[in-house]
């Protein structure tokens, strides 16, 4: 093999190794992505909501919907159009209350109830999680275009 052929072989080998490293990294990132949905997405037929993977759900806690038994808290969230039942087992954040914006991470069970693993509540009177604010704006915008 000449020097030129050795260099070309080395370059091809390095490029092949880099391509494998990039593809493995992208596959790992794809598995760890957590998508965000709001209650209207659950009721939209076009959306494919994952039943076997964790995702984030956000909205406003519905007034009068909070019930507690032992460590399980059940409540409903809304995006002002649709309402979705949720359950959370564990200690609630201090700022969790009715009418407040929340984001939960968990899975949708077969009964259509979102079972949350983690629960995040807003941190002051003027703050709303960006995903929840966008979802509410999107829903309000779609109401204006409806006949």
Protein backbone atom coordinates (compact mmCIF):
# COMPACT_ATOMS: atom_id res chain seq x y z
CA UNK A 1 0.00 0.00 0.00
CA UNK A 2 1.28 3.43 -0.90
CA UNK A 3 1.30 6.38 1.47
CA UNK A 4 -1.57 7.99 -0.38
CA UNK A 5 -3.72 4.86 0.00
CA UNK A 6 -2.85 4.67 3.72
CA UNK A 7 -3.96 8.28 4.26
CA UNK A 8 -7.22 7.73 2.39
CA UNK A 9 -7.88 4.55 4.39
CA UNK A 10 -7.19 6.40 7.66
CA UNK A 11 -9.53 9.26 6.68
CA UNK A 12 -12.29 6.84 5.71
CA UNK A 13 -11.86 4.96 8.99
CA UNK A 14 -12.04 8.19 11.03
CA UNK A 15 -15.15 9.38 9.16
CA UNK A 16 -16.81 5.99 9.65
CA UNK A 17 -16.04 6.09 13.39
CA UNK A 18 -17.39 9.64 13.68
CA UNK A 19 -20.59 8.64 11.86
CA UNK A 20 -21.13 5.75 14.27
CA UNK A 21 -20.51 8.01 17.30
CA UNK A 22 -22.97 10.63 16.04
CA UNK A 23 -25.67 8.06 15.27
CA UNK A 24 -25.31 6.44 18.72
CA UNK A 25 -25.54 9.86 20.39
CA UNK A 26 -28.68 10.77 18.44
CA UNK A 27 -30.32 7.45 19.33
CA UNK A 28 -29.58 8.00 23.03
CA UNK A 29 -30.99 11.54 22.90
CA UNK A 30 -34.14 10.35 21.13
CA UNK A 31 -34.86 7.84 23.90
CA UNK A 32 -34.50 10.50 26.61
CA UNK A 33 -36.72 13.18 25.05
CA UNK A 34 -39.77 14.10 27.14
CA UNK A 35 -42.55 15.68 25.07
CA UNK A 36 -44.99 18.25 26.43
CA UNK A 37 -48.76 18.00 25.90
CA UNK A 38 -51.80 19.79 27.25
CA UNK A 39 -55.26 18.30 27.92
CA UNK A 40 -56.69 19.17 24.49
CA UNK A 41 -53.96 17.05 22.87
CA UNK A 42 -55.29 13.95 24.64
CA UNK A 43 -58.72 14.44 23.08
CA UNK A 44 -57.38 15.31 19.61
CA UNK A 45 -57.59 12.24 17.37
CA UNK A 46 -54.68 13.25 15.14
CA UNK A 47 -52.17 13.25 18.02
CA UNK A 48 -50.47 10.02 18.96
CA UNK A 49 -49.98 10.23 22.72
CA UNK A 50 -47.46 7.68 24.01
CA UNK A 51 -49.01 5.21 26.46
CA UNK A 52 -45.79 3.45 27.43
CA UNK A 53 -43.40 6.42 27.79
CA UNK A 54 -43.20 9.34 30.16
CA UNK A 55 -44.22 12.76 28.90
CA UNK A 56 -45.05 16.13 30.43
CA UNK A 57 -48.59 17.43 30.87
CA UNK A 58 -49.43 20.97 31.87
CA UNK A 59 -52.42 23.10 32.67
CA UNK A 60 -54.35 24.80 35.44
CA UNK A 61 -55.59 22.87 38.48
CA UNK A 62 -59.40 22.86 38.33
CA UNK A 63 -61.18 24.53 41.27
CA UNK A 64 -62.76 22.00 43.64
CA UNK A 65 -61.12 18.96 42.01
CA UNK A 66 -58.47 18.10 44.61
CA UNK A 67 -59.11 14.95 46.68
CA UNK A 68 -56.58 13.26 48.96
CA UNK A 69 -56.43 9.78 50.44
CA UNK A 70 -53.26 8.83 52.30
CA UNK A 71 -50.38 9.75 49.96
CA UNK A 72 -52.36 9.74 46.68
CA UNK A 73 -53.75 13.06 45.50
CA UNK A 74 -56.28 13.14 42.67
CA UNK A 75 -57.16 16.31 40.81
CA UNK A 76 -58.02 17.61 37.36
CA UNK A 77 -56.18 20.04 35.10
CA UNK A 78 -57.55 22.10 32.26
CA UNK A 79 -56.38 24.21 29.36
CA UNK A 80 -59.75 26.02 29.48
CA UNK A 81 -61.15 23.75 26.73
CA UNK A 82 -60.64 20.17 27.93
CA UNK A 83 -60.16 18.73 31.42
CA UNK A 84 -58.00 15.72 32.29
CA UNK A 85 -57.93 13.72 35.54
CA UNK A 86 -54.57 13.26 37.22
CA UNK A 87 -53.21 11.39 40.20
CA UNK A 88 -49.97 11.92 42.09
CA UNK A 89 -48.49 9.83 44.86
CA UNK A 90 -46.13 11.69 47.13
CA UNK A 91 -45.66 14.99 48.89
CA UNK A 92 -47.20 17.90 47.00
CA UNK A 93 -45.13 21.02 46.29
CA UNK A 94 -45.81 23.83 48.78
CA UNK A 95 -47.24 26.07 46.07
CA UNK A 96 -49.66 23.47 44.66
CA UNK A 97 -53.26 24.71 44.88
CA UNK A 98 -56.42 25.14 42.84
CA UNK A 99 -56.30 27.58 39.94
CA UNK A 100 -52.50 27.43 39.64
CA UNK A 101 -50.43 26.32 36.68
CA UNK A 102 -48.59 23.02 37.00
CA UNK A 103 -46.43 20.72 34.93
CA UNK A 104 -46.38 17.01 35.69
CA UNK A 105 -44.24 14.23 34.29
CA UNK A 106 -45.71 10.74 34.05
CA UNK A 107 -47.80 8.40 31.91
CA UNK A 108 -51.38 8.14 30.72
CA UNK A 109 -53.00 4.94 31.99
CA UNK A 110 -55.64 2.85 30.19
CA UNK A 111 -58.47 4.64 32.02
CA UNK A 112 -57.40 8.01 30.59
CA UNK A 113 -55.97 9.23 33.91
CA UNK A 114 -52.53 10.84 33.88
CA UNK A 115 -50.41 9.23 36.63
CA UNK A 116 -47.71 11.74 37.59
CA UNK A 117 -44.26 10.83 38.88
CA UNK A 118 -43.16 14.42 39.43
CA UNK A 119 -45.16 17.58 39.93
CA UNK A 120 -43.97 21.16 39.50
CA UNK A 121 -45.96 24.19 40.63
CA UNK A 122 -45.46 27.85 39.82
CA UNK A 123 -43.22 29.86 42.13
CA UNK A 124 -44.90 33.26 42.48
CA UNK A 125 -48.11 35.11 41.68
CA UNK A 126 -47.03 36.32 38.22
CA UNK A 127 -45.25 33.23 36.96
CA UNK A 128 -46.77 30.55 34.76
CA UNK A 129 -44.68 27.76 33.22
CA UNK A 130 -43.87 28.74 29.62
CA UNK A 131 -45.31 25.52 28.19
CA UNK A 132 -48.61 26.10 30.01
CA UNK A 133 -48.77 29.74 28.90
CA UNK A 134 -48.17 28.74 25.25
CA UNK A 135 -50.77 25.99 25.45
CA UNK A 136 -53.37 28.36 26.88
CA UNK A 137 -52.59 30.97 24.22
CA UNK A 138 -52.84 28.34 21.48
CA UNK A 139 -56.21 27.15 22.74
CA UNK A 140 -57.52 30.71 23.08
CA UNK A 141 -56.29 31.46 19.53
CA UNK A 142 -58.06 28.40 18.14
CA UNK A 143 -61.33 29.46 19.83
CA UNK A 144 -61.25 32.78 17.92
CA UNK A 145 -61.04 30.98 14.59
CA UNK A 146 -63.92 28.64 15.38
CA UNK A 147 -67.31 29.53 13.89
